[in-house]
Amino acid sequence: MKAYHHGDLRRVLLAEAATAIEEQGVANLSLRELARRAGVSHAAPAHHFGDKAGLLTALAIEGFARLGEALSRAPSFLDGGVAYVVFAVENRAHFEVMFRPELYHADDPALVEARNRSGAALYAGAEQMPDAAADPGLVRATGLAGWSMAHGFATLWLSGALPDMGTSVEDAARAVLRRLNPDA
């Protein structure tokens, strides 16, 4: 193989891993195939990530960081739910890995930090809901309800289990998630 130098091989490998997961699923991802796709030696991915779990840890960290950014930009709890669904659809490979801790090093400090930041952004939206100030326990329950609905909707959408909704994922998610707060 002819030597090939990437300006940021780590980033290239993560992008190739996401593409491979979208095409073939996470179970079929291998470091050797990833190296072939990136045009580098078969040892290059191991040099950057150690093993497949290390690679998937990096992918999950990137996913939680992106999700946290999307949620923090949402002006309301409803918009946060919609942002969650749109994130899942636009970052399918990340989404498929992020909530499968058996695939990665769940105790990795960078992963824990990224997951906590995205969780904080999710629950910050719940603090805006009516009655949240009166009962802090409602913030957690409301956040969990919103997360459950958004995650379930995203999973159903991605699996093709929803009937033709005749609309964009954003509009469909907004219509469903509005049930959490009909006044929104």
C-alpha atoms as a PDB file:
ATOM      1  CA  MET A   1       0.000   0.000   0.000  1.00  0.00           C
ATOM      2  CA  LYS A   2       1.291   3.426  -0.862  1.00  0.00           C
ATOM      3  CA  ALA A   3       1.783   5.629   2.194  1.00  0.00           C
ATOM      4  CA  TYR A   4      -0.919   8.272   2.469  1.00  0.00           C
ATOM      5  CA  HIS A   5      -0.934  11.143   4.934  1.00  0.00           C
ATOM      6  CA  HIS A   6      -4.144  12.654   6.220  1.00  0.00           C
ATOM      7  CA  GLY A   7      -4.125  16.090   7.768  1.00  0.00           C
ATOM      8  CA  ASP A   8      -6.359  14.862  10.603  1.00  0.00           C
ATOM      9  CA  LEU A   9      -6.482  11.077  10.437  1.00  0.00           C
ATOM     10  CA  ARG A  10      -8.468  10.777  13.658  1.00  0.00           C
ATOM     11  CA  ARG A  11     -11.279  12.920  12.214  1.00  0.00           C
ATOM     12  CA  VAL A  12     -11.177  11.001   8.921  1.00  0.00           C
ATOM     13  CA  LEU A  13     -11.421   7.686  10.764  1.00  0.00           C
ATOM     14  CA  LEU A  14     -14.392   8.889  12.813  1.00  0.00           C
ATOM     15  CA  ALA A  15     -16.181  10.129   9.682  1.00  0.00           C
ATOM     16  CA  GLU A  16     -15.484   6.850   7.885  1.00  0.00           C
ATOM     17  CA  ALA A  17     -16.705   4.893  10.916  1.00  0.00           C
ATOM     18  CA  ALA A  18     -19.966   6.874  10.933  1.00  0.00           C
ATOM     19  CA  THR A  19     -20.460   6.211   7.231  1.00  0.00           C
ATOM     20  CA  ALA A  20     -19.712   2.504   7.638  1.00  0.00           C
ATOM     21  CA  ILE A  21     -22.165   2.217  10.546  1.00  0.00           C
ATOM     22  CA  GLU A  22     -24.882   3.951   8.519  1.00  0.00           C
ATOM     23  CA  GLU A  23     -24.253   1.586   5.598  1.00  0.00           C
ATOM     24  CA  GLN A  24     -23.654  -1.718   7.387  1.00  0.00           C
ATOM     25  CA  GLY A  25     -24.562  -1.319  11.063  1.00  0.00           C
ATOM     26  CA  VAL A  26     -22.310  -1.139  14.082  1.00  0.00           C
ATOM     27  CA  ALA A  27     -21.974  -4.933  14.385  1.00  0.00           C
ATOM     28  CA  ASN A  28     -20.238  -5.109  11.002  1.00  0.00           C
ATOM     29  CA  LEU A  29     -17.712  -2.357  11.726  1.00  0.00           C
ATOM     30  CA  SER A  30     -14.104  -3.524  11.931  1.00  0.00           C
ATOM     31  CA  LEU A  31     -10.896  -1.564  12.376  1.00  0.00           C
ATOM     32  CA  ARG A  32      -9.334  -3.367   9.407  1.00  0.00           C
ATOM     33  CA  GLU A  33     -12.235  -2.386   7.122  1.00  0.00           C
ATOM     34  CA  LEU A  34     -12.116   1.141   8.515  1.00  0.00           C
ATOM     35  CA  ALA A  35      -8.413   1.380   7.623  1.00  0.00           C
ATOM     36  CA  ARG A  36      -9.156   0.150   4.105  1.00  0.00           C
ATOM     37  CA  ARG A  37     -11.898   2.743   3.675  1.00  0.00           C
ATOM     38  CA  ALA A  38      -9.592   5.525   4.877  1.00  0.00           C
ATOM     39  CA  GLY A  39      -6.700   4.322   2.710  1.00  0.00           C
ATOM     40  CA  VAL A  40      -4.286   3.815   5.607  1.00  0.00           C
ATOM     41  CA  SER A  41      -2.421   0.885   7.131  1.00  0.00           C
ATOM     42  CA  HIS A  42      -4.486  -1.565   9.144  1.00  0.00           C
ATOM     43  CA  ALA A  43      -2.607  -0.464  12.290  1.00  0.00           C
ATOM     44  CA  ALA A  44      -3.604   3.213  11.977  1.00  0.00           C
ATOM     45  CA  PRO A  45      -7.066   2.977  13.632  1.00  0.00           C
ATOM     46  CA  ALA A  46      -5.610   0.989  16.549  1.00  0.00           C
ATOM     47  CA  HIS A  47      -2.907   3.630  16.939  1.00  0.00           C
ATOM     48  CA  HIS A  48      -5.569   6.322  17.383  1.00  0.00           C
ATOM     49  CA  PHE A  49      -8.267   4.423  19.295  1.00  0.00           C
ATOM     50  CA  GLY A  50      -6.703   1.248  20.690  1.00  0.00           C
ATOM     51  CA  ASP A  51      -9.574  -1.036  19.780  1.00  0.00           C
ATOM     52  CA  LYS A  52     -13.101  -1.007  18.399  1.00  0.00           C
ATOM     53  CA  ALA A  53     -14.517   0.004  21.791  1.00  0.00           C
ATOM     54  CA  GLY A  54     -12.087   2.936  21.851  1.00  0.00           C
ATOM     55  CA  LEU A  55     -13.252   4.019  18.398  1.00  0.00           C
ATOM     56  CA  LEU A  56     -16.907   3.759  19.433  1.00  0.00           C
ATOM     57  CA  THR A  57     -16.144   5.682  22.633  1.00  0.00           C
ATOM     58  CA  ALA A  58     -14.755   8.535  20.523  1.00  0.00           C
ATOM     59  CA  LEU A  59     -17.824   8.374  18.266  1.00  0.00           C
ATOM     60  CA  ALA A  60     -20.146   8.485  21.301  1.00  0.00           C
ATOM     61  CA  ILE A  61     -18.227  11.441  22.779  1.00  0.00           C
ATOM     62  CA  GLU A  62     -18.587  13.299  19.487  1.00  0.00           C
ATOM     63  CA  GLY A  63     -22.296  12.413  19.391  1.00  0.00           C
ATOM     64  CA  PHE A  64     -23.033  13.567  22.938  1.00  0.00           C
ATOM     65  CA  ALA A  65     -21.146  16.826  22.256  1.00  0.00           C
ATOM     66  CA  ARG A  66     -23.171  17.454  19.091  1.00  0.00           C
ATOM     67  CA  LEU A  67     -26.419  16.590  20.849  1.00  0.00           C
ATOM     68  CA  GLY A  68     -25.596  18.907  23.745  1.00  0.00           C
ATOM     69  CA  GLU A  69     -24.913  21.745  21.315  1.00  0.00           C
ATOM     70  CA  ALA A  70     -28.199  21.135  19.480  1.00  0.00           C
ATOM     71  CA  LEU A  71     -30.179  21.034  22.724  1.00  0.00           C
ATOM     72  CA  SER A  72     -28.531  24.147  24.139  1.00  0.00           C
ATOM     73  CA  ARG A  73     -29.567  26.133  21.048  1.00  0.00           C
ATOM     74  CA  ALA A  74     -33.236  25.148  21.434  1.00  0.00           C
ATOM     75  CA  PRO A  75     -35.324  28.075  22.701  1.00  0.00           C
ATOM     76  CA  SER A  76     -37.931  25.873  24.416  1.00  0.00           C
ATOM     77  CA  PHE A  77     -38.462  22.390  25.790  1.00  0.00           C
ATOM     78  CA  LEU A  78     -40.551  21.468  22.736  1.00  0.00           C
ATOM     79  CA  ASP A  79     -37.848  22.765  20.407  1.00  0.00           C
ATOM     80  CA  GLY A  80     -35.321  20.722  22.383  1.00  0.00           C
ATOM     81  CA  GLY A  81     -37.324  17.579  21.708  1.00  0.00           C
ATOM     82  CA  VAL A  82     -37.494  18.401  18.017  1.00  0.00           C
ATOM     83  CA  ALA A  83     -33.752  19.135  17.995  1.00  0.00           C
ATOM     84  CA  TYR A  84     -33.165  15.732  19.610  1.00  0.00           C
ATOM     85  CA  VAL A  85     -35.105  13.939  16.878  1.00  0.00           C
ATOM     86  CA  VAL A  86     -33.437  15.925  14.089  1.00  0.00           C
ATOM     87  CA  PHE A  87     -30.034  15.179  15.648  1.00  0.00           C
ATOM     88  CA  ALA A  88     -30.824  11.445  15.648  1.00  0.00           C
ATOM     89  CA  VAL A  89     -31.861  11.478  11.992  1.00  0.00           C
ATOM     90  CA  GLU A  90     -28.919  13.608  10.838  1.00  0.00           C
ATOM     91  CA  ASN A  91     -26.365  11.744  12.997  1.00  0.00           C
ATOM     92  CA  ARG A  92     -27.720   8.221  12.763  1.00  0.00           C
ATOM     93  CA  ALA A  93     -24.433   6.396  13.396  1.00  0.00           C
ATOM     94  CA  HIS A  94     -23.678   8.467  16.481  1.00  0.00           C
ATOM     95  CA  PHE A  95     -27.220   7.962  17.769  1.00  0.00           C
ATOM     96  CA  GLU A  96     -26.982   4.197  17.249  1.00  0.00           C
ATOM     97  CA  VAL A  97     -23.807   4.065  19.343  1.00  0.00           C
ATOM     98  CA  MET A  98     -24.483   6.664  22.067  1.00  0.00           C
ATOM     99  CA  PHE A  99     -27.138   4.722  23.925  1.00  0.00           C
ATOM    100  CA  ARG A 100     -25.433   1.331  23.709  1.00  0.00           C
ATOM    101  CA  PRO A 101     -22.869   1.488  26.542  1.00  0.00           C
ATOM    102  CA  GLU A 102     -21.920  -2.144  26.023  1.00  0.00           C
ATOM    103  CA  LEU A 103     -20.198  -1.018  22.806  1.00  0.00           C
ATOM    104  CA  TYR A 104     -17.808   1.498  24.330  1.00  0.00           C
ATOM    105  CA  HIS A 105     -15.854   2.471  27.446  1.00  0.00           C
ATOM    106  CA  ALA A 106     -18.756   3.930  29.427  1.00  0.00           C
ATOM    107  CA  ASP A 107     -16.486   5.104  32.230  1.00  0.00           C
ATOM    108  CA  ASP A 108     -14.216   7.158  29.966  1.00  0.00           C
ATOM    109  CA  PRO A 109     -13.974  10.609  31.629  1.00  0.00           C
ATOM    110  CA  ALA A 110     -14.454  12.524  28.368  1.00  0.00           C
ATOM    111  CA  LEU A 111     -17.524  10.428  27.578  1.00  0.00           C
ATOM    112  CA  VAL A 112     -19.002  10.957  31.046  1.00  0.00           C
ATOM    113  CA  GLU A 113     -18.437  14.708  30.714  1.00  0.00           C
ATOM    114  CA  ALA A 114     -20.012  14.917  27.236  1.00  0.00           C
ATOM    115  CA  ARG A 115     -22.981  12.767  28.300  1.00  0.00           C
ATOM    116  CA  ASN A 116     -23.499  14.917  31.412  1.00  0.00           C
ATOM    117  CA  ARG A 117     -23.390  18.154  29.376  1.00  0.00           C
ATOM    118  CA  SER A 118     -25.998  16.881  26.929  1.00  0.00           C
ATOM    119  CA  GLY A 119     -28.163  15.676  29.831  1.00  0.00           C
ATOM    120  CA  ALA A 120     -27.903  19.061  31.513  1.00  0.00           C
ATOM    121  CA  ALA A 121     -29.016  20.755  28.298  1.00  0.00           C
ATOM    122  CA  LEU A 122     -31.985  18.398  28.046  1.00  0.00           C
ATOM    123  CA  TYR A 123     -33.086  19.038  31.631  1.00  0.00           C
ATOM    124  CA  ALA A 124     -32.524  22.797  31.300  1.00  0.00           C
ATOM    125  CA  GLY A 125     -35.399  22.849  28.835  1.00  0.00           C
ATOM    126  CA  ALA A 126     -37.607  21.006  31.322  1.00  0.00           C
ATOM    127  CA  GLU A 127     -36.968  23.749  33.886  1.00  0.00           C
ATOM    128  CA  GLN A 128     -38.904  26.126  31.600  1.00  0.00           C
ATOM    129  CA  MET A 129     -42.069  24.076  31.825  1.00  0.00           C
ATOM    130  CA  PRO A 130     -45.073  25.257  33.855  1.00  0.00           C
ATOM    131  CA  ASP A 131     -44.954  24.235  37.544  1.00  0.00           C
ATOM    132  CA  ALA A 132     -41.222  23.413  37.374  1.00  0.00           C
ATOM    133  CA  ALA A 133     -40.372  26.166  39.852  1.00  0.00           C
ATOM    134  CA  ALA A 134     -43.067  24.959  42.245  1.00  0.00           C
ATOM    135  CA  ASP A 135     -41.828  21.359  42.307  1.00  0.00           C
ATOM    136  CA  PRO A 136     -38.217  20.533  41.364  1.00  0.00           C
ATOM    137  CA  GLY A 137     -39.196  16.845  41.178  1.00  0.00           C
ATOM    138  CA  LEU A 138     -41.312  17.759  38.170  1.00  0.00           C
ATOM    139  CA  VAL A 139     -38.212  18.946  36.300  1.00  0.00           C
ATOM    140  CA  ARG A 140     -36.701  15.462  36.382  1.00  0.00           C
ATOM    141  CA  ALA A 141     -39.995  13.744  35.564  1.00  0.00           C
ATOM    142  CA  THR A 142     -40.755  16.181  32.744  1.00  0.00           C
ATOM    143  CA  GLY A 143     -37.231  15.914  31.355  1.00  0.00           C
ATOM    144  CA  LEU A 144     -37.436  12.130  31.418  1.00  0.00           C
ATOM    145  CA  ALA A 145     -40.864  12.176  29.765  1.00  0.00           C
ATOM    146  CA  GLY A 146     -39.624  14.487  27.016  1.00  0.00           C
ATOM    147  CA  TRP A 147     -36.450  12.472  26.491  1.00  0.00           C
ATOM    148  CA  SER A 148     -38.440   9.236  26.350  1.00  0.00           C
ATOM    149  CA  MET A 149     -40.862  10.630  23.790  1.00  0.00           C
ATOM    150  CA  ALA A 150     -38.156  12.187  21.621  1.00  0.00           C
ATOM    151  CA  HIS A 151     -35.918   9.103  21.787  1.00  0.00           C
ATOM    152  CA  GLY A 152     -38.809   6.763  21.063  1.00  0.00           C
ATOM    153  CA  PHE A 153     -40.022   8.879  18.170  1.00  0.00           C
ATOM    154  CA  ALA A 154     -36.510   9.109  16.703  1.00  0.00           C
ATOM    155  CA  THR A 155     -36.020   5.354  17.031  1.00  0.00           C
ATOM    156  CA  LEU A 156     -39.362   4.624  15.365  1.00  0.00           C
ATOM    157  CA  TRP A 157     -38.619   7.114  12.573  1.00  0.00           C
ATOM    158  CA  LEU A 158     -35.162   5.669  11.911  1.00  0.00           C
ATOM    159  CA  SER A 159     -36.440   2.091  11.864  1.00  0.00           C
ATOM    160  CA  GLY A 160     -39.142   2.952   9.329  1.00  0.00           C
ATOM    161  CA  ALA A 161     -41.845   1.799  11.761  1.00  0.00           C
ATOM    162  CA  LEU A 162     -43.951   4.947  11.466  1.00  0.00           C
ATOM    163  CA  PRO A 163     -46.602   5.140   8.788  1.00  0.00           C
ATOM    164  CA  ASP A 164     -46.092   7.716   6.081  1.00  0.00           C
ATOM    165  CA  MET A 165     -46.609  10.932   7.963  1.00  0.00           C
ATOM    166  CA  GLY A 166     -46.496  13.017   4.788  1.00  0.00           C
ATOM    167  CA  THR A 167     -44.297  15.636   6.365  1.00  0.00           C
ATOM    168  CA  SER A 168     -40.728  16.377   7.387  1.00  0.00           C
ATOM    169  CA  VAL A 169     -39.233  14.673  10.424  1.00  0.00           C
ATOM    170  CA  GLU A 170     -39.102  18.048  12.147  1.00  0.00           C
ATOM    171  CA  ASP A 171     -42.804  18.766  11.575  1.00  0.00           C
ATOM    172  CA  ALA A 172     -43.818  15.220  12.501  1.00  0.00           C
ATOM    173  CA  ALA A 173     -41.757  15.321  15.694  1.00  0.00           C
ATOM    174  CA  ARG A 174     -43.164  18.714  16.642  1.00  0.00           C
ATOM    175  CA  ALA A 175     -46.744  17.465  16.213  1.00  0.00           C
ATOM    176  CA  VAL A 176     -46.118  14.397  18.379  1.00  0.00           C
ATOM    177  CA  LEU A 177     -43.970  16.065  21.038  1.00  0.00           C
ATOM    178  CA  ARG A 178     -46.472  18.917  21.411  1.00  0.00           C
ATOM    179  CA  ARG A 179     -48.638  16.386  23.295  1.00  0.00           C
ATOM    180  CA  LEU A 180     -46.245  16.885  26.228  1.00  0.00           C
ATOM    181  CA  ASN A 181     -47.247  20.552  26.370  1.00  0.00           C
ATOM    182  CA  PRO A 182     -50.342  21.252  24.250  1.00  0.00           C
ATOM    183  CA  ASP A 183     -50.098  24.984  25.011  1.00  0.00           C
ATOM    184  CA  ALA A 184     -46.695  25.290  23.285  1.00  0.00           C
END
